[in-house]
Amino acid sequence: MTTHALAGLGLFLTGAAFSQVLAFGIAAWVKSRRERQIDDTLGPPAPGSSDTEQ
């Protein structure tokens, strides 16, 4: 491979990795914002309760 091809591949992979990090960061921010909105509406969860309890 030529230097230009390797440089292009490196930039492509760096861009792809950055996009993934950005996407996961936005998803986590949206999730926390939604949970905060639910807590503001309904109040915090009861002590000792969990989502897995049935």
PDB file of N, CA and C in Angstrom:
ATOM      1  N   MET A   1       0.843  -1.192   0.000  1.00  0.00           N
ATOM      2  CA  MET A   1       0.000   0.000   0.000  1.00  0.00           C
ATOM      3  C   MET A   1       0.878   1.241   0.000  1.00  0.00           C
ATOM      4  N   THR A   2       0.351   2.237  -0.598  1.00  0.00           N
ATOM      5  CA  THR A   2       1.102   3.482  -0.621  1.00  0.00           C
ATOM      6  C   THR A   2       0.834   4.277   0.650  1.00  0.00           C
ATOM      7  N   THR A   3       1.655   5.249   0.868  1.00  0.00           N
ATOM      8  CA  THR A   3       1.504   6.099   2.053  1.00  0.00           C
ATOM      9  C   THR A   3       0.156   6.807   2.046  1.00  0.00           C
ATOM     10  N   HIS A   4      -0.268   7.246   0.871  1.00  0.00           N
ATOM     11  CA  HIS A   4      -1.554   7.940   0.785  1.00  0.00           C
ATOM     12  C   HIS A   4      -2.715   7.007   1.124  1.00  0.00           C
ATOM     13  N   ALA A   5      -2.627   5.782   0.667  1.00  0.00           N
ATOM     14  CA  ALA A   5      -3.692   4.818   0.958  1.00  0.00           C
ATOM     15  C   ALA A   5      -3.745   4.515   2.447  1.00  0.00           C
ATOM     16  N   LEU A   6      -2.591   4.345   3.071  1.00  0.00           N
ATOM     17  CA  LEU A   6      -2.562   4.086   4.509  1.00  0.00           C
ATOM     18  C   LEU A   6      -3.073   5.294   5.293  1.00  0.00           C
ATOM     19  N   ALA A   7      -2.692   6.482   4.853  1.00  0.00           N
ATOM     20  CA  ALA A   7      -3.166   7.685   5.528  1.00  0.00           C
ATOM     21  C   ALA A   7      -4.684   7.818   5.385  1.00  0.00           C
ATOM     22  N   GLY A   8      -5.181   7.541   4.205  1.00  0.00           N
ATOM     23  CA  GLY A   8      -6.631   7.598   3.978  1.00  0.00           C
ATOM     24  C   GLY A   8      -7.375   6.575   4.822  1.00  0.00           C
ATOM     25  N   LEU A   9      -6.833   5.363   4.899  1.00  0.00           N
ATOM     26  CA  LEU A   9      -7.444   4.320   5.721  1.00  0.00           C
ATOM     27  C   LEU A   9      -7.430   4.721   7.193  1.00  0.00           C
ATOM     28  N   GLY A  10      -6.335   5.285   7.640  1.00  0.00           N
ATOM     29  CA  GLY A  10      -6.243   5.734   9.026  1.00  0.00           C
ATOM     30  C   GLY A  10      -7.248   6.832   9.335  1.00  0.00           C
ATOM     31  N   LEU A  11      -7.394   7.782   8.431  1.00  0.00           N
ATOM     32  CA  LEU A  11      -8.378   8.851   8.636  1.00  0.00           C
ATOM     33  C   LEU A  11      -9.791   8.298   8.636  1.00  0.00           C
ATOM     34  N   PHE A  12     -10.050   7.342   7.742  1.00  0.00           N
ATOM     35  CA  PHE A  12     -11.382   6.729   7.688  1.00  0.00           C
ATOM     36  C   PHE A  12     -11.699   6.004   8.988  1.00  0.00           C
ATOM     37  N   LEU A  13     -10.755   5.209   9.487  1.00  0.00           N
ATOM     38  CA  LEU A  13     -10.990   4.461  10.724  1.00  0.00           C
ATOM     39  C   LEU A  13     -11.106   5.396  11.925  1.00  0.00           C
ATOM     40  N   THR A  14     -10.316   6.449  11.932  1.00  0.00           N
ATOM     41  CA  THR A  14     -10.405   7.430  13.013  1.00  0.00           C
ATOM     42  C   THR A  14     -11.761   8.114  12.996  1.00  0.00           C
ATOM     43  N   GLY A  15     -12.216   8.480  11.815  1.00  0.00           N
ATOM     44  CA  GLY A  15     -13.528   9.105  11.682  1.00  0.00           C
ATOM     45  C   GLY A  15     -14.642   8.166  12.102  1.00  0.00           C
ATOM     46  N   ALA A  16     -14.535   6.894  11.739  1.00  0.00           N
ATOM     47  CA  ALA A  16     -15.548   5.917  12.119  1.00  0.00           C
ATOM     48  C   ALA A  16     -15.570   5.726  13.629  1.00  0.00           C
ATOM     49  N   ALA A  17     -14.404   5.644  14.246  1.00  0.00           N
ATOM     50  CA  ALA A  17     -14.341   5.478  15.697  1.00  0.00           C
ATOM     51  C   ALA A  17     -14.905   6.710  16.396  1.00  0.00           C
ATOM     52  N   PHE A  18     -14.567   7.893  15.905  1.00  0.00           N
ATOM     53  CA  PHE A  18     -15.087   9.124  16.495  1.00  0.00           C
ATOM     54  C   PHE A  18     -16.602   9.179  16.372  1.00  0.00           C
ATOM     55  N   SER A  19     -17.130   8.753  15.220  1.00  0.00           N
ATOM     56  CA  SER A  19     -18.577   8.751  15.021  1.00  0.00           C
ATOM     57  C   SER A  19     -19.265   7.816  16.003  1.00  0.00           C
ATOM     58  N   GLN A  20     -18.668   6.656  16.256  1.00  0.00           N
ATOM     59  CA  GLN A  20     -19.247   5.703  17.209  1.00  0.00           C
ATOM     60  C   GLN A  20     -19.251   6.293  18.612  1.00  0.00           C
ATOM     61  N   VAL A  21     -18.147   6.897  19.015  1.00  0.00           N
ATOM     62  CA  VAL A  21     -18.064   7.507  20.345  1.00  0.00           C
ATOM     63  C   VAL A  21     -19.097   8.614  20.470  1.00  0.00           C
ATOM     64  N   LEU A  22     -19.228   9.422  19.450  1.00  0.00           N
ATOM     65  CA  LEU A  22     -20.203  10.503  19.454  1.00  0.00           C
ATOM     66  C   LEU A  22     -21.626   9.949  19.534  1.00  0.00           C
ATOM     67  N   ALA A  23     -21.920   8.908  18.774  1.00  0.00           N
ATOM     68  CA  ALA A  23     -23.264   8.322  18.785  1.00  0.00           C
ATOM     69  C   ALA A  23     -23.600   7.734  20.144  1.00  0.00           C
ATOM     70  N   PHE A  24     -22.668   7.008  20.756  1.00  0.00           N
ATOM     71  CA  PHE A  24     -22.929   6.430  22.072  1.00  0.00           C
ATOM     72  C   PHE A  24     -23.060   7.528  23.130  1.00  0.00           C
ATOM     73  N   GLY A  25     -22.279   8.577  23.007  1.00  0.00           N
ATOM     74  CA  GLY A  25     -22.385   9.690  23.943  1.00  0.00           C
ATOM     75  C   GLY A  25     -23.732  10.379  23.852  1.00  0.00           C
ATOM     76  N   ILE A  26     -24.211  10.607  22.645  1.00  0.00           N
ATOM     77  CA  ILE A  26     -25.526  11.229  22.459  1.00  0.00           C
ATOM     78  C   ILE A  26     -26.626  10.317  22.984  1.00  0.00           C
ATOM     79  N   ALA A  27     -26.516   9.019  22.727  1.00  0.00           N
ATOM     80  CA  ALA A  27     -27.525   8.072  23.216  1.00  0.00           C
ATOM     81  C   ALA A  27     -27.570   8.057  24.748  1.00  0.00           C
ATOM     82  N   ALA A  28     -26.418   8.086  25.384  1.00  0.00           N
ATOM     83  CA  ALA A  28     -26.378   8.103  26.850  1.00  0.00           C
ATOM     84  C   ALA A  28     -26.952   9.405  27.393  1.00  0.00           C
ATOM     85  N   TRP A  29     -26.660  10.519  26.725  1.00  0.00           N
ATOM     86  CA  TRP A  29     -27.197  11.803  27.156  1.00  0.00           C
ATOM     87  C   TRP A  29     -28.721  11.832  27.031  1.00  0.00           C
ATOM     88  N   VAL A  30     -29.246  11.316  25.918  1.00  0.00           N
ATOM     89  CA  VAL A  30     -30.696  11.287  25.717  1.00  0.00           C
ATOM     90  C   VAL A  30     -31.360  10.391  26.759  1.00  0.00           C
ATOM     91  N   LYS A  31     -30.746   9.249  27.059  1.00  0.00           N
ATOM     92  CA  LYS A  31     -31.308   8.333  28.049  1.00  0.00           C
ATOM     93  C   LYS A  31     -31.340   8.980  29.435  1.00  0.00           C
ATOM     94  N   SER A  32     -30.249   9.613  29.831  1.00  0.00           N
ATOM     95  CA  SER A  32     -30.220  10.243  31.152  1.00  0.00           C
ATOM     96  C   SER A  32     -31.202  11.413  31.220  1.00  0.00           C
ATOM     97  N   ARG A  33     -31.335  12.145  30.128  1.00  0.00           N
ATOM     98  CA  ARG A  33     -32.289  13.257  30.086  1.00  0.00           C
ATOM     99  C   ARG A  33     -33.718  12.738  30.222  1.00  0.00           C
ATOM    100  N   ARG A  34     -34.024  11.633  29.551  1.00  0.00           N
ATOM    101  CA  ARG A  34     -35.358  11.040  29.623  1.00  0.00           C
ATOM    102  C   ARG A  34     -35.637  10.527  31.036  1.00  0.00           C
ATOM    103  N   GLU A  35     -34.654   9.875  31.657  1.00  0.00           N
ATOM    104  CA  GLU A  35     -34.840   9.370  33.020  1.00  0.00           C
ATOM    105  C   GLU A  35     -35.042  10.534  33.989  1.00  0.00           C
ATOM    106  N   ARG A  36     -34.308  11.621  33.796  1.00  0.00           N
ATOM    107  CA  ARG A  36     -34.477  12.797  34.647  1.00  0.00           C
ATOM    108  C   ARG A  36     -35.867  13.393  34.467  1.00  0.00           C
ATOM    109  N   GLN A  37     -36.359  13.398  33.232  1.00  0.00           N
ATOM    110  CA  GLN A  37     -37.696  13.918  32.961  1.00  0.00           C
ATOM    111  C   GLN A  37     -38.754  13.048  33.646  1.00  0.00           C
ATOM    112  N   ILE A  38     -38.588  11.739  33.610  1.00  0.00           N
ATOM    113  CA  ILE A  38     -39.523  10.826  34.283  1.00  0.00           C
ATOM    114  C   ILE A  38     -39.469  11.047  35.787  1.00  0.00           C
ATOM    115  N   ASP A  39     -38.263  11.177  36.341  1.00  0.00           N
ATOM    116  CA  ASP A  39     -38.121  11.423  37.781  1.00  0.00           C
ATOM    117  C   ASP A  39     -38.766  12.749  38.181  1.00  0.00           C
ATOM    118  N   ASP A  40     -38.640  13.768  37.341  1.00  0.00           N
ATOM    119  CA  ASP A  40     -39.257  15.054  37.648  1.00  0.00           C
ATOM    120  C   ASP A  40     -40.777  14.947  37.633  1.00  0.00           C
ATOM    121  N   THR A  41     -41.304  14.096  36.754  1.00  0.00           N
ATOM    122  CA  THR A  41     -42.753  13.950  36.640  1.00  0.00           C
ATOM    123  C   THR A  41     -43.318  13.062  37.740  1.00  0.00           C
ATOM    124  N   LEU A  42     -42.713  11.909  37.953  1.00  0.00           N
ATOM    125  CA  LEU A  42     -43.246  10.911  38.881  1.00  0.00           C
ATOM    126  C   LEU A  42     -42.579  10.916  40.245  1.00  0.00           C
ATOM    127  N   GLY A  43     -41.442  11.547  40.343  1.00  0.00           N
ATOM    128  CA  GLY A  43     -40.662  11.494  41.569  1.00  0.00           C
ATOM    129  C   GLY A  43     -39.663  10.359  41.488  1.00  0.00           C
ATOM    130  N   PRO A  44     -38.715  10.333  42.413  1.00  0.00           N
ATOM    131  CA  PRO A  44     -37.687   9.286  42.374  1.00  0.00           C
ATOM    132  C   PRO A  44     -38.293   7.920  42.676  1.00  0.00           C
ATOM    133  N   PRO A  45     -37.619   6.846  42.273  1.00  0.00           N
ATOM    134  CA  PRO A  45     -38.138   5.500  42.556  1.00  0.00           C
ATOM    135  C   PRO A  45     -38.168   5.215  44.049  1.00  0.00           C
ATOM    136  N   ALA A  46     -39.041   4.329  44.440  1.00  0.00           N
ATOM    137  CA  ALA A  46     -39.169   3.977  45.848  1.00  0.00           C
ATOM    138  C   ALA A  46     -37.892   3.290  46.339  1.00  0.00           C
ATOM    139  N   PRO A  47     -37.531   3.467  47.616  1.00  0.00           N
ATOM    140  CA  PRO A  47     -36.328   2.817  48.132  1.00  0.00           C
ATOM    141  C   PRO A  47     -36.436   1.293  48.049  1.00  0.00           C
ATOM    142  N   GLY A  48     -35.377   0.659  47.627  1.00  0.00           N
ATOM    143  CA  GLY A  48     -35.327  -0.798  47.560  1.00  0.00           C
ATOM    144  C   GLY A  48     -35.994  -1.386  46.336  1.00  0.00           C
ATOM    145  N   SER A  49     -36.588  -0.573  45.478  1.00  0.00           N
ATOM    146  CA  SER A  49     -37.205  -1.136  44.283  1.00  0.00           C
ATOM    147  C   SER A  49     -36.199  -1.182  43.152  1.00  0.00           C
ATOM    148  N   SER A  50     -36.415  -2.104  42.236  1.00  0.00           N
ATOM    149  CA  SER A  50     -35.563  -2.181  41.062  1.00  0.00           C
ATOM    150  C   SER A  50     -36.415  -2.593  39.869  1.00  0.00           C
ATOM    151  N   ASP A  51     -35.895  -2.383  38.703  1.00  0.00           N
ATOM    152  CA  ASP A  51     -36.628  -2.739  37.481  1.00  0.00           C
ATOM    153  C   ASP A  51     -36.724  -4.247  37.315  1.00  0.00           C
ATOM    154  N   THR A  52     -35.808  -5.007  37.922  1.00  0.00           N
ATOM    155  CA  THR A  52     -35.794  -6.458  37.720  1.00  0.00           C
ATOM    156  C   THR A  52     -36.696  -7.179  38.715  1.00  0.00           C
ATOM    157  N   GLU A  53     -37.154  -6.477  39.749  1.00  0.00           N
ATOM    158  CA  GLU A  53     -38.029  -7.109  40.744  1.00  0.00           C
ATOM    159  C   GLU A  53     -39.384  -7.378  40.152  1.00  0.00           C
ATOM    160  N   GLN A  54     -39.985  -8.532  40.520  1.00  0.00           N
ATOM    161  CA  GLN A  54     -41.318  -8.839  40.004  1.00  0.00           C
ATOM    162  C   GLN A  54     -42.249  -9.221  41.104  1.00  0.00           C
TER     163      GLN A  54
END
